[in-house]
Amino acid sequence: MSANVNLLYLTQGVRGYPLHELKSTKNGLEFHLEFPENKRKCSACGSCDVISKGSHFRCWRGLSMGQKQAWIVMNVPRLQCKACGKTRQVRVSFAEANRRHTRMFERYVLSLLKSMTCKDVAEHLGLSWDTVRDIEKAYLKRKFANPPLAKVQYLAIDEIAVRKGHKYMTIVMDLKTGQVIFVGDGRDQEALEPFWRRLKRSRAKIKAVCTDMSPAYRAAVRRHLPDAVHVFDRFHIMKIINDKLTSLRRRLHGETKDASKREALKHSRFLLMKRRENLDDTRDESARLAAALDVSADLSVGYALKELLPELWDADDEKEAMRVLREWISDAEWSRIPEMESFATTLRTHWFEILNFHCCPITTGPLEGFNNKIKTLKRQAYGYRDLEYFKLKILALHQARYELVG
């Protein structure tokens, strides 16, 4: 019998429960255990002053042995505690409450998930997909649900689309470590409220925050981090002017009657977004861009303004950047191009946060790169119906492999 007890501990991680019988059935191997008297304690307060209220037959899935599944079987007492008055089933040390598998079996499932999908693990072990998902979800919640915030100093905040129909999540990254530290539902101020509460409790000293030009993010940062430097991301600003240039191209395409000129404008969208030094001459991109710019002086001026804007961030200091910004706004307003005038108004309104880049040169670039990993994660699973599970996967994504709980 002692050999069987050692086998039970070494293969299933069960110790302290006498083995009554080992059976081989059509379902596999069944380890029938006895519940020891010294473990008859209240699960709530630990008191030994209890009254028996019957028992419940429990069966837990253990690690397979060869081609046979292993099952841990035991009658678990149900006790009423005289100290706290609660009536509960006694907890067992080798399995989590309300689980139908052992802790060692959970660790085995997690080890398989390092190199297999949930579906593959479920088929391999004869489980439902939901069971495998729940095992991983519980582990991710324990390990990654609440990343430490005390040492965070630089933040990047951005949103990512998770479903069709304008369904978004807000992502917060620690720019120093590259770790995602919060995932919220939506992209408004309310999406960040749980994060601000946790950040306040952590007493973190935030030096700077980088976001896009969203009014919601601007208001949230001003309210919760009034002493932090707020930087508007340069890449989002360039995206806006590229969108303005695209709108100008579309308007000119609609106004132009000449077929050859319309054709030149039609295929110039991505050429207009490129920096001039990045044009590929082997594909005649310089010539095609020149043909598009010849269609309208407004398009040529708009493209020239787009090319001048990066000088704002290439400036040596904030004073020079201010001069570049003033000249750019003046040129855009002088152009009388509605799209450029509109963007000039935007820059004039938010000049302070834009120039903060020279006080703290941070961007949301690392977060944009991480968003590509999130999109890959979503595509690999063909989407996630359980958004809580998806958020936990995002929080764990910075680690290539999970570290198993001992």
Foldseek 3Di string as FASTA:
>chain_A
DVVVQVVCCVFFVAPDWAFDDWDQDPQFIEGETEDDLVQCADPPPRHSQKDWDFWDWAKAWGDADVPGTYIYIYTWTWIAHPVPRDIGTGDGDQPDPPHRYGPNVLLVLQVVVLPDPLVVSCVVVVHDSVNSLVSVLVVLCVPFVADQDAAAAEKEWDWDAFDPPQWIWIWIARVVVLFTGDIFTHDALVRCVVVLVNNVVSVHHYAEYEYAPDPRVVVNCCVRPVNHQYAHAPVNLLVLLLVLLVVVLVVLLVVDDDPVLNVLSVPCSVLLSDAPVPDDVVVPSVVSNVSNCVSDVLSVLSSVLSNQVCVLVVDPALVVSVVSLVVSLVSLVVSPDVSSPVSSVVCVVCVRNHSCCRVPVDHCVSVVVLSVVLVVVQVVVVHDPPVSSSRSCSSVVVDSGDDRDD
